[in-house]
Amino acid sequence: MRRPRPDAVCPVCGTKYEKDGFNIPFETFLGFGGDKVPDIDLNFSGEYQSSAHRHTFELFGDSHVFRAGTIGTVAEKTAFGYVKKYMEERGKTATRAEMLRLAKGCTGVKRTTGQHPGGMVVIPQDKEIYDFCPVQHPADDTDTDIITTHFEYHSMESNLLKLDMLGHDDPSMIRMMEDLTGVDAKTIPLDDPDTRSIFISSKVLGYENDKILGPTGATAIPEFGTSFVRGMLEETKPAEFDILVRLSGFSHGTDVWLGNARDLILSGTATVGQAIGCRDDIMIYLISKGMNEKRAFKIMEAVRKGRGLPDGAEDEMREHGVPEWYIGSCKKIAYLFPKAHAVAYVMMAFRIAWFKVHRPLAFYAAYFSIRAKAFDATVMCRGLERAKAKMDEIRAKDKEATAVEQDMLTTLEVVYEFYIRGFTFEQMDLYFRVDEEKKALLPPFMAIPGLGETAAVSIVEQRKGKEYLSVEEFSADCPKVTKAHIELLKNCGALAGMPDTSQMTLFDGF
């Protein structure tokens, strides 16, 4: 929507606008005169993505909706591996430069076909798919009932509508926090000062300038929780919601931040609000400079696709007073994020951040349940020092750390923050007893590495309405729980105080 005047009134309900909008012209979506195929992204909780996909078949018909096909090609590293193995098998040697040259010839060669994770191609009702392309089952799962377009979807995106119906963790987190607290996330103000402050300082969270987490409180906040984006926060110190949206554009774009906007901002050439963050910024800025609207739109489209500036655009921009740094920035960009996407993501991120500030236990419970990878209760639920030691161990491996260890390190950062804010984990208990007066979370059985979902569900189902006298009785009642599972439960303290056997010794207590 366009930014309304301070005294503007809604033409539908007559309500006076109290706050600015996000300044997203509708023409960015459909073009001037409706000559652009719209980019429609619909984000669902991952749990409901498949249901949303099925609904599109009900809406448009089975013969008019198909999964967008993809073509997997040989990546540069994979190609280099092919060349290296080829040389080894034949006892040949070559310089690295020669091996890279040979690998370049393999890079980009078709390897397999697959399906877009959420792309649904919609065919007009008066047409059929064969008017555009053949269809097939994806090569990685030929027995599935999913049918994809045979051509890679990019080759048809200017002619056919594609709905990106993606699964995201953020809606799942928000729903879980709503259920835990009773707070309606839609009522959370997007200008809450305490929430806004954590993107600059962690003071409101109870700690400041931590040597591990840094000066901000953005750890575990989607869009802003990675070390890369936290570094952006430190350098830009965003005090407004609009700047958070711009930072989202910086992080999602290609050749937008590093070597481009960052250099302009740090050198004082441009402010964060002036640098190009999202594709809409270009069109809005050029129109504000007096450039023809359609021409501004065409320049935006060329730049956001990485095509540089159209012929004659540089001279036109100079004639309208566009500075040289802005022209140079446009020429460097390879991809620009849509502002509508950035706004949607940052709105969800801000609401999640509000829970982190105001309802922290619900926030951490949702994060550890939904977003945390490689959660290991034997390490993470045993106190701050145990968590720090594991972090140091993984960091010492540097690039030698496995992918699982890297995921664990990310989760450990959040566990570390959880502890330094004064929270703790209750000892895991077979009956899920917890004292709500304590600032503590009770980890689930699934947090025990090696236990598995089947055993965890079995325990929960079998224990209902029962009090076990011993580990022996518990084990006999849960046939899916093996001896190995029992040891895991003991190691995590879930069976603390429970004797191994139900037999009593006559002289106990003497």
Protein backbone atom coordinates (compact mmCIF):
# COMPACT_ATOMS: atom_id res chain seq x y z
CA MET A 1 0.00 0.00 0.00
CA ARG A 2 1.08 3.58 -0.49
CA ARG A 3 2.11 5.65 2.50
CA PRO A 4 -1.01 7.66 3.59
CA ARG A 5 -0.93 11.30 4.62
CA PRO A 6 -1.00 11.86 8.42
CA ASP A 7 -4.52 13.29 8.11
CA ALA A 8 -5.76 10.62 5.67
CA VAL A 9 -8.96 8.66 6.27
CA CYS A 10 -9.69 5.09 5.14
CA PRO A 11 -12.14 5.27 2.19
CA VAL A 12 -13.84 2.04 3.30
CA CYS A 13 -14.43 2.35 7.04
CA GLY A 14 -13.76 6.05 7.60
CA THR A 15 -11.10 5.41 10.25
CA LYS A 16 -8.31 7.98 10.46
CA TYR A 17 -4.86 6.58 9.78
CA GLU A 18 -2.78 6.84 12.94
CA LYS A 19 0.44 5.39 11.54
CA ASP A 20 2.27 5.22 8.23
CA GLY A 21 2.01 2.22 5.96
CA PHE A 22 4.91 0.42 4.32
CA ASN A 23 4.87 2.35 1.03
CA ILE A 24 4.46 -0.63 -1.30
CA PRO A 25 2.88 0.51 -4.60
CA PHE A 26 0.46 -2.01 -6.06
CA GLU A 27 2.21 -1.55 -9.42
CA THR A 28 5.23 -3.43 -8.04
CA PHE A 29 2.97 -6.47 -7.97
CA LEU A 30 1.18 -6.19 -11.33
CA GLY A 31 3.07 -3.49 -13.22
CA PHE A 32 1.63 -0.34 -14.76
CA GLY A 33 -1.34 -1.44 -16.83
CA GLY A 34 -1.27 -4.98 -15.44
CA ASP A 35 1.48 -6.12 -17.81
CA LYS A 36 3.47 -8.12 -15.24
CA VAL A 37 2.91 -11.70 -14.08
CA PRO A 38 2.44 -11.36 -10.29
CA ASP A 39 4.79 -13.05 -7.84
CA ILE A 40 2.49 -14.67 -5.28
CA ASP A 41 4.08 -16.17 -2.16
CA LEU A 42 1.84 -17.81 0.44
CA ASN A 43 3.59 -18.87 3.64
CA PHE A 44 2.04 -21.60 5.77
CA SER A 45 3.07 -23.49 8.84
CA GLY A 46 5.06 -26.50 7.65
CA GLU A 47 2.47 -28.74 9.30
CA TYR A 48 -0.26 -27.47 6.98
CA GLN A 49 1.66 -26.98 3.73
CA SER A 50 0.44 -30.26 2.23
CA SER A 51 -3.16 -29.35 3.10
CA ALA A 52 -2.76 -25.99 1.36
CA HIS A 53 -1.39 -27.72 -1.72
CA ARG A 54 -4.36 -30.08 -1.82
CA HIS A 55 -6.71 -27.12 -1.59
CA THR A 56 -5.31 -25.64 -4.83
CA PHE A 57 -6.39 -28.81 -6.64
CA GLU A 58 -9.89 -28.35 -5.24
CA LEU A 59 -9.94 -24.69 -6.30
CA PHE A 60 -8.66 -25.02 -9.86
CA GLY A 61 -9.09 -28.72 -10.68
CA ASP A 62 -6.63 -31.61 -10.86
CA SER A 63 -5.96 -31.01 -14.56
CA HIS A 64 -5.09 -27.34 -14.06
CA VAL A 65 -2.57 -27.41 -11.20
CA PHE A 66 0.90 -29.00 -11.38
CA ARG A 67 3.98 -28.91 -9.22
CA ALA A 68 6.71 -26.75 -10.71
CA GLY A 69 9.48 -28.93 -12.08
CA THR A 70 13.15 -28.26 -11.43
CA ILE A 71 16.33 -29.42 -13.15
CA GLY A 72 19.21 -30.33 -10.88
CA THR A 73 22.62 -29.56 -12.35
CA VAL A 74 26.16 -30.50 -11.39
CA ALA A 75 27.51 -28.00 -8.85
CA GLU A 76 31.05 -26.64 -8.99
CA LYS A 77 32.31 -28.64 -5.98
CA THR A 78 30.70 -31.84 -7.27
CA ALA A 79 32.29 -31.32 -10.70
CA PHE A 80 35.70 -30.85 -9.09
CA GLY A 81 35.15 -34.12 -7.21
CA TYR A 82 34.40 -35.88 -10.52
CA VAL A 83 37.64 -34.60 -12.03
CA LYS A 84 39.69 -35.49 -8.97
CA LYS A 85 38.35 -39.05 -8.88
CA TYR A 86 38.86 -39.42 -12.64
CA MET A 87 42.53 -38.46 -12.21
CA GLU A 88 43.04 -40.80 -9.25
CA GLU A 89 41.46 -43.81 -10.97
CA ARG A 90 43.73 -43.40 -13.99
CA GLY A 91 46.87 -42.54 -12.06
CA LYS A 92 47.14 -39.15 -13.70
CA THR A 93 48.26 -35.87 -12.16
CA ALA A 94 47.31 -32.31 -13.00
CA THR A 95 47.67 -28.85 -11.54
CA ARG A 96 44.78 -27.44 -9.56
CA ALA A 97 44.24 -24.86 -12.28
CA GLU A 98 43.87 -27.61 -14.90
CA MET A 99 41.48 -29.56 -12.67
CA LEU A 100 39.37 -26.44 -12.18
CA ARG A 101 39.33 -25.91 -15.95
CA LEU A 102 38.07 -29.44 -16.52
CA ALA A 103 35.51 -29.09 -13.71
CA LYS A 104 34.16 -25.94 -15.31
CA GLY A 105 33.14 -28.00 -18.34
CA CYS A 106 31.04 -30.28 -16.12
CA THR A 107 29.47 -27.51 -14.04
CA GLY A 108 25.85 -26.84 -14.94
CA VAL A 109 25.29 -30.14 -16.79
CA LYS A 110 21.85 -31.64 -16.13
CA ARG A 111 21.99 -34.21 -13.35
CA THR A 112 18.37 -34.99 -12.43
CA THR A 113 14.88 -33.54 -12.30
CA GLY A 114 12.92 -32.71 -9.18
CA GLN A 115 10.14 -30.53 -7.84
CA HIS A 116 10.02 -27.03 -6.42
CA PRO A 117 9.43 -27.19 -2.62
CA GLY A 118 6.25 -25.13 -2.86
CA GLY A 119 5.73 -23.97 -6.44
CA MET A 120 2.32 -24.73 -7.97
CA VAL A 121 1.81 -23.87 -11.66
CA VAL A 122 -1.79 -22.87 -12.48
CA ILE A 123 -3.09 -23.41 -16.03
CA PRO A 124 -5.88 -21.14 -17.43
CA GLN A 125 -9.29 -22.84 -17.48
CA ASP A 126 -9.56 -22.66 -21.30
CA LYS A 127 -6.15 -24.32 -21.76
CA GLU A 128 -4.49 -27.60 -20.86
CA ILE A 129 -0.95 -28.24 -19.65
CA TYR A 130 0.08 -29.73 -23.01
CA ASP A 131 -0.43 -26.33 -24.63
CA PHE A 132 2.68 -25.30 -22.70
CA CYS A 133 4.82 -28.35 -21.89
CA PRO A 134 4.87 -32.10 -21.19
CA VAL A 135 4.51 -33.39 -17.63
CA GLN A 136 6.28 -36.14 -15.69
CA HIS A 137 6.90 -37.66 -12.29
CA PRO A 138 10.02 -36.24 -10.60
CA ALA A 139 13.09 -38.41 -11.23
CA ASP A 140 13.87 -38.68 -7.53
CA ASP A 141 10.49 -40.30 -6.79
CA THR A 142 8.91 -41.89 -9.86
CA ASP A 143 6.28 -43.78 -7.82
CA THR A 144 4.73 -40.66 -6.31
CA ASP A 145 1.32 -39.36 -7.39
CA ILE A 146 2.86 -35.89 -7.82
CA ILE A 147 3.10 -34.70 -11.42
CA THR A 148 5.49 -31.90 -12.32
CA THR A 149 6.07 -29.75 -15.38
CA HIS A 150 8.70 -31.32 -17.64
CA PHE A 151 10.25 -27.94 -18.41
CA GLU A 152 12.04 -26.04 -15.68
CA TYR A 153 9.50 -23.53 -14.35
CA HIS A 154 11.64 -20.44 -15.02
CA SER A 155 11.15 -21.00 -18.75
CA MET A 156 7.40 -20.47 -18.35
CA GLU A 157 7.18 -17.90 -15.56
CA SER A 158 6.34 -15.04 -17.93
CA ASN A 159 3.33 -16.91 -19.32
CA LEU A 160 1.92 -18.98 -16.47
CA LEU A 161 0.95 -18.14 -12.92
CA LYS A 162 3.02 -19.84 -10.21
CA LEU A 163 1.90 -19.88 -6.59
CA ASP A 164 4.77 -20.30 -4.12
CA MET A 165 3.04 -22.08 -1.25
CA LEU A 166 5.91 -22.55 1.15
CA GLY A 167 6.18 -24.14 4.58
CA HIS A 168 7.71 -21.95 7.30
CA ASP A 169 8.54 -22.43 10.97
CA ASP A 170 7.56 -18.87 11.98
CA PRO A 171 3.77 -19.39 11.79
CA SER A 172 4.18 -22.62 13.77
CA MET A 173 6.17 -20.78 16.45
CA ILE A 174 3.65 -17.96 16.67
CA ARG A 175 0.76 -20.40 17.03
CA MET A 176 2.54 -22.36 19.77
CA MET A 177 3.35 -19.17 21.71
CA GLU A 178 -0.26 -18.02 21.36
CA ASP A 179 -1.46 -21.35 22.76
CA LEU A 180 1.01 -21.19 25.66
CA THR A 181 0.24 -17.60 26.65
CA GLY A 182 -3.25 -16.77 25.38
CA VAL A 183 -1.81 -13.68 23.62
CA ASP A 184 -3.16 -12.95 20.12
CA ALA A 185 -0.03 -12.19 18.07
CA LYS A 186 -2.01 -9.93 15.72
CA THR A 187 -2.58 -7.50 18.60
CA ILE A 188 1.15 -7.07 19.27
CA PRO A 189 2.16 -3.46 18.45
CA LEU A 190 4.88 -3.20 15.83
CA ASP A 191 6.34 -0.16 17.58
CA ASP A 192 6.77 -1.69 21.05
CA PRO A 193 9.87 0.15 22.37
CA ASP A 194 11.27 -2.73 24.44
CA THR A 195 11.02 -5.14 21.52
CA ARG A 196 12.52 -2.59 19.15
CA SER A 197 15.45 -2.06 21.51
CA ILE A 198 16.78 -5.64 21.27
CA PHE A 199 17.89 -5.00 17.69
CA ILE A 200 20.40 -2.50 19.12
CA SER A 201 21.03 -3.63 22.71
CA SER A 202 20.33 -6.69 24.87
CA LYS A 203 19.85 -4.62 28.04
CA VAL A 204 16.10 -5.25 28.26
CA LEU A 205 16.85 -9.02 28.26
CA GLY A 206 18.93 -8.74 31.41
CA TYR A 207 22.45 -8.84 30.01
CA GLU A 208 24.67 -6.45 28.04
CA ASN A 209 27.53 -6.78 25.55
CA ASP A 210 27.99 -10.48 26.11
CA LYS A 211 31.32 -11.74 24.77
CA ILE A 212 29.64 -14.65 22.98
CA LEU A 213 26.35 -13.15 21.79
CA GLY A 214 27.52 -9.59 21.11
CA PRO A 215 25.74 -6.30 21.86
CA THR A 216 22.31 -7.06 20.37
CA GLY A 217 19.54 -9.29 21.71
CA ALA A 218 18.62 -10.71 18.30
CA THR A 219 19.81 -14.27 18.94
CA ALA A 220 17.18 -16.80 17.74
CA ILE A 221 15.01 -14.09 16.13
CA PRO A 222 14.13 -15.13 12.55
CA GLU A 223 15.60 -12.87 9.85
CA PHE A 224 18.02 -11.35 12.37
CA GLY A 225 19.46 -14.23 14.41
CA THR A 226 22.40 -15.32 12.24
CA SER A 227 25.87 -13.98 13.00
CA PHE A 228 25.90 -12.31 9.56
CA VAL A 229 22.72 -10.30 10.13
CA ARG A 230 23.61 -9.56 13.76
CA GLY A 231 26.75 -7.97 12.36
CA MET A 232 24.52 -5.83 10.11
CA LEU A 233 22.52 -4.78 13.16
CA GLU A 234 25.69 -3.72 14.97
CA GLU A 235 26.80 -1.59 12.02
CA THR A 236 23.43 0.05 11.30
CA LYS A 237 21.77 0.27 14.76
CA PRO A 238 18.18 0.24 13.42
CA ALA A 239 15.83 2.35 15.54
CA GLU A 240 12.82 2.16 13.18
CA PHE A 241 10.72 -0.69 11.82
CA ASP A 242 11.32 0.59 8.29
CA ILE A 243 15.06 0.08 8.71
CA LEU A 244 14.48 -3.51 9.86
CA VAL A 245 12.60 -4.08 6.59
CA ARG A 246 15.51 -2.63 4.65
CA LEU A 247 17.97 -4.91 6.49
CA SER A 248 15.83 -7.90 5.53
CA GLY A 249 16.20 -6.81 1.92
CA PHE A 250 19.97 -6.46 2.33
CA SER A 251 20.31 -9.99 3.73
CA HIS A 252 18.07 -11.69 1.14
CA GLY A 253 19.52 -9.88 -1.87
CA THR A 254 22.57 -10.86 -3.89
CA ASP A 255 25.42 -8.32 -4.16
CA VAL A 256 23.24 -5.86 -2.26
CA TRP A 257 24.99 -5.58 1.13
CA LEU A 258 28.63 -6.71 0.92
CA GLY A 259 30.63 -4.64 -1.53
CA ASN A 260 27.64 -2.38 -2.09
CA ALA A 261 25.26 -0.87 0.49
CA ARG A 262 27.59 -1.67 3.42
CA ASP A 263 30.47 0.29 1.88
CA LEU A 264 28.20 3.25 1.12
CA ILE A 265 26.83 3.33 4.67
CA LEU A 266 30.13 2.90 6.51
CA SER A 267 31.82 5.54 4.34
CA GLY A 268 29.03 8.03 5.03
CA THR A 269 28.14 8.27 1.32
CA ALA A 270 24.55 7.19 2.05
CA THR A 271 22.39 6.47 5.08
CA VAL A 272 20.72 3.12 5.70
CA GLY A 273 17.41 4.66 4.65
CA GLN A 274 18.87 5.88 1.35
CA ALA A 275 20.68 2.69 0.29
CA ILE A 276 18.85 0.23 -1.97
CA GLY A 277 17.43 -2.63 0.10
CA CYS A 278 14.37 -3.94 -1.78
CA ARG A 279 13.31 -3.77 -5.41
CA ASP A 280 10.49 -1.32 -4.66
CA ASP A 281 13.01 1.21 -3.35
CA ILE A 282 14.33 1.86 -6.87
CA MET A 283 10.96 2.58 -8.48
CA ILE A 284 9.74 4.74 -5.58
CA TYR A 285 12.97 6.74 -5.53
CA LEU A 286 13.11 7.31 -9.29
CA ILE A 287 9.46 8.42 -9.37
CA SER A 288 10.19 10.83 -6.51
CA LYS A 289 12.94 12.28 -8.71
CA GLY A 290 10.38 13.03 -11.42
CA MET A 291 11.06 10.09 -13.72
CA ASN A 292 8.24 8.60 -15.79
CA GLU A 293 6.49 5.86 -13.77
CA LYS A 294 6.69 3.14 -16.44
CA ARG A 295 10.35 3.90 -17.08
CA ALA A 296 11.09 3.74 -13.35
CA PHE A 297 9.31 0.37 -13.25
CA LYS A 298 11.35 -1.00 -16.19
CA ILE A 299 14.62 0.10 -14.56
CA MET A 300 13.59 -1.57 -11.28
CA GLU A 301 12.75 -4.82 -13.09
CA ALA A 302 16.08 -4.86 -14.93
CA VAL A 303 18.12 -4.19 -11.78
CA ARG A 304 16.28 -6.65 -9.52
CA LYS A 305 16.92 -9.47 -12.03
CA GLY A 306 20.64 -8.67 -12.17
CA ARG A 307 20.55 -7.31 -15.72
CA GLY A 308 22.05 -3.97 -14.79
CA LEU A 309 20.64 -0.72 -16.15
CA PRO A 310 18.76 -0.65 -19.49
CA ASP A 311 20.20 1.28 -22.43
CA GLY A 312 20.05 5.02 -21.82
CA ALA A 313 18.97 4.64 -18.20
CA GLU A 314 22.19 6.07 -16.74
CA ASP A 315 21.87 9.34 -18.66
CA GLU A 316 18.17 9.62 -17.76
CA MET A 317 18.94 9.07 -14.10
CA ARG A 318 21.64 11.75 -14.13
CA GLU A 319 19.24 14.18 -15.84
CA HIS A 320 16.82 13.67 -12.95
CA GLY A 321 19.48 14.30 -10.31
CA VAL A 322 20.19 10.71 -9.28
CA PRO A 323 23.66 10.62 -7.62
CA GLU A 324 26.51 8.58 -9.09
CA TRP A 325 26.72 6.31 -6.04
CA TYR A 326 23.10 5.26 -6.59
CA ILE A 327 23.73 4.48 -10.27
CA GLY A 328 26.82 2.47 -9.33
CA SER A 329 24.86 0.55 -6.70
CA CYS A 330 22.21 -0.44 -9.27
CA LYS A 331 24.87 -1.82 -11.61
CA LYS A 332 26.32 -4.12 -8.91
CA ILE A 333 23.05 -5.79 -7.84
CA ALA A 334 22.40 -9.39 -8.96
CA TYR A 335 19.05 -9.94 -7.18
CA LEU A 336 16.69 -7.79 -5.10
CA PHE A 337 14.10 -9.00 -2.59
CA PRO A 338 10.47 -7.77 -2.92
CA LYS A 339 9.55 -5.30 -0.18
CA ALA A 340 6.22 -7.05 0.46
CA HIS A 341 8.11 -10.24 1.32
CA ALA A 342 10.48 -8.36 3.59
CA VAL A 343 7.59 -6.66 5.41
CA ALA A 344 5.76 -9.97 5.93
CA TYR A 345 8.89 -11.67 7.30
CA VAL A 346 9.85 -8.77 9.56
CA MET A 347 6.30 -8.48 10.95
CA MET A 348 6.46 -12.15 11.97
CA ALA A 349 9.99 -11.72 13.32
CA PHE A 350 8.98 -8.67 15.38
CA ARG A 351 6.02 -10.50 16.92
CA ILE A 352 8.26 -13.43 17.80
CA ALA A 353 10.76 -10.95 19.30
CA TRP A 354 7.95 -9.47 21.43
CA PHE A 355 7.43 -12.88 23.06
CA LYS A 356 11.18 -13.16 23.65
CA VAL A 357 11.08 -9.87 25.56
CA HIS A 358 7.73 -10.12 27.36
CA ARG A 359 6.94 -13.89 27.55
CA PRO A 360 10.39 -15.47 27.40
CA LEU A 361 9.60 -19.00 28.62
CA ALA A 362 6.97 -19.40 25.91
CA PHE A 363 9.47 -18.10 23.35
CA TYR A 364 12.22 -20.53 24.34
CA ALA A 365 9.76 -23.44 24.58
CA ALA A 366 8.59 -22.74 21.03
CA TYR A 367 12.12 -22.24 19.70
CA PHE A 368 13.48 -25.46 21.22
CA SER A 369 10.40 -27.39 20.04
CA ILE A 370 10.22 -26.10 16.46
CA ARG A 371 13.37 -24.35 15.25
CA ALA A 372 16.21 -25.90 17.25
CA LYS A 373 18.31 -28.45 15.41
CA ALA A 374 20.45 -31.12 17.06
CA PHE A 375 19.03 -30.45 20.53
CA ASP A 376 20.88 -32.74 22.94
CA ALA A 377 19.42 -32.84 26.46
CA THR A 378 22.51 -34.62 27.80
CA VAL A 379 24.53 -31.48 27.03
CA MET A 380 22.09 -28.59 26.95
CA CYS A 381 20.02 -29.36 30.03
CA ARG A 382 22.98 -29.88 32.37
CA GLY A 383 23.79 -26.26 33.17
CA LEU A 384 25.60 -23.25 31.74
CA GLU A 385 29.14 -24.54 32.13
CA ARG A 386 28.38 -27.81 30.34
CA ALA A 387 26.83 -25.85 27.45
CA LYS A 388 29.80 -23.45 27.26
CA ALA A 389 32.28 -26.32 27.25
CA LYS A 390 30.49 -27.95 24.30
CA MET A 391 30.45 -24.63 22.43
CA ASP A 392 34.22 -24.27 22.94
CA GLU A 393 34.74 -27.85 21.79
CA ILE A 394 32.86 -27.30 18.51
CA ARG A 395 34.46 -23.90 17.85
CA ALA A 396 37.92 -25.43 18.33
CA LYS A 397 37.22 -27.71 15.36
CA ASP A 398 36.56 -24.67 13.16
CA LYS A 399 35.93 -25.85 9.58
CA GLU A 400 36.40 -29.48 10.60
CA ALA A 401 33.12 -29.41 12.57
CA THR A 402 30.37 -31.55 11.04
CA ALA A 403 27.04 -30.15 9.84
CA VAL A 404 25.33 -31.63 12.92
CA GLU A 405 27.87 -29.93 15.18
CA GLN A 406 27.33 -26.61 13.40
CA ASP A 407 23.57 -26.97 13.95
CA MET A 408 24.23 -27.85 17.58
CA LEU A 409 26.41 -24.74 17.99
CA THR A 410 23.54 -22.54 16.78
CA THR A 411 21.17 -24.15 19.30
CA LEU A 412 23.79 -23.91 22.05
CA GLU A 413 23.96 -20.13 21.57
CA VAL A 414 20.25 -19.95 22.35
CA VAL A 415 20.68 -22.32 25.32
CA TYR A 416 23.53 -20.12 26.58
CA GLU A 417 21.32 -17.02 26.37
CA PHE A 418 18.52 -18.95 28.10
CA TYR A 419 20.83 -19.61 31.06
CA ILE A 420 22.36 -16.12 31.36
CA ARG A 421 18.84 -14.64 31.46
CA GLY A 422 18.29 -16.59 34.67
CA PHE A 423 16.25 -19.49 33.29
CA THR A 424 16.94 -23.17 33.73
CA PHE A 425 15.76 -26.61 32.66
CA GLU A 426 13.91 -28.77 35.14
CA GLN A 427 15.14 -32.31 35.46
CA MET A 428 13.35 -34.46 32.93
CA ASP A 429 10.60 -36.42 34.63
CA LEU A 430 8.67 -39.48 33.54
CA TYR A 431 5.41 -37.81 34.56
CA PHE A 432 6.13 -34.28 33.28
CA ARG A 433 5.70 -32.75 36.70
CA VAL A 434 6.81 -29.11 36.71
CA ASP A 435 6.67 -26.26 39.19
CA GLU A 436 5.31 -23.28 37.27
CA GLU A 437 6.65 -20.91 39.93
CA LYS A 438 10.17 -21.74 38.81
CA LYS A 439 11.71 -19.92 35.85
CA ALA A 440 12.24 -23.23 34.14
CA LEU A 441 11.36 -25.36 31.15
CA LEU A 442 10.86 -29.10 31.25
CA PRO A 443 12.52 -30.73 28.20
CA PRO A 444 10.51 -33.38 26.31
CA PHE A 445 11.63 -36.97 25.80
CA MET A 446 12.37 -36.16 22.15
CA ALA A 447 15.25 -33.97 23.40
CA ILE A 448 17.13 -37.14 24.40
CA PRO A 449 19.43 -38.07 21.51
CA GLY A 450 18.90 -41.67 20.43
CA LEU A 451 15.52 -42.16 22.11
CA GLY A 452 13.43 -41.62 18.99
CA GLU A 453 9.83 -40.58 18.43
CA THR A 454 8.34 -44.09 18.62
CA ALA A 455 9.75 -44.75 22.10
CA ALA A 456 8.83 -41.24 23.31
CA VAL A 457 5.21 -41.60 22.16
CA SER A 458 5.01 -45.07 23.70
CA ILE A 459 6.14 -43.74 27.09
CA VAL A 460 3.59 -40.91 27.02
CA GLU A 461 0.76 -43.28 26.08
CA GLN A 462 1.63 -46.07 28.53
CA ARG A 463 2.21 -43.93 31.63
CA LYS A 464 -1.29 -42.39 31.67
CA GLY A 465 -2.95 -42.95 35.06
CA LYS A 466 -0.07 -45.06 36.39
CA GLU A 467 2.58 -44.82 39.10
CA TYR A 468 5.54 -47.12 38.51
CA LEU A 469 7.27 -48.63 41.55
CA SER A 470 10.50 -49.39 39.73
CA VAL A 471 12.43 -49.18 36.46
CA GLU A 472 11.73 -52.90 36.03
CA GLU A 473 7.95 -52.32 36.15
CA PHE A 474 8.19 -49.34 33.81
CA SER A 475 10.23 -51.34 31.31
CA ALA A 476 7.78 -54.25 31.35
CA ASP A 477 4.87 -51.87 30.72
CA CYS A 478 6.54 -50.19 27.72
CA PRO A 479 7.65 -52.93 25.28
CA LYS A 480 8.91 -50.39 22.74
CA VAL A 481 11.38 -49.00 25.28
CA THR A 482 14.61 -50.99 25.04
CA LYS A 483 17.43 -51.39 27.56
CA ALA A 484 19.37 -48.79 25.60
CA HIS A 485 16.43 -46.38 25.97
CA ILE A 486 16.35 -47.06 29.73
CA GLU A 487 20.02 -46.07 30.00
CA LEU A 488 19.36 -42.87 28.05
CA LEU A 489 16.47 -42.00 30.38
CA LYS A 490 18.66 -42.66 33.42
CA ASN A 491 21.47 -40.49 32.06
CA CYS A 492 19.05 -37.58 31.66
CA GLY A 493 17.63 -38.01 35.16
CA ALA A 494 14.15 -38.98 34.00
CA LEU A 495 14.15 -42.03 36.26
CA ALA A 496 15.82 -40.35 39.25
CA GLY A 497 14.71 -41.79 42.61
CA MET A 498 13.13 -44.86 41.04
CA PRO A 499 14.66 -48.20 42.18
CA ASP A 500 15.80 -50.67 39.54
CA THR A 501 13.61 -53.50 40.85
CA SER A 502 10.29 -53.82 42.65
CA GLN A 503 11.70 -56.41 45.08
CA MET A 504 12.11 -55.28 48.68
CA THR A 505 14.90 -56.31 51.03
CA LEU A 506 13.71 -57.40 54.48
CA PHE A 507 16.40 -55.45 56.30
CA ASP A 508 16.14 -52.17 54.30
CA GLY A 509 16.57 -49.26 56.65
CA PHE A 510 18.55 -51.22 59.29
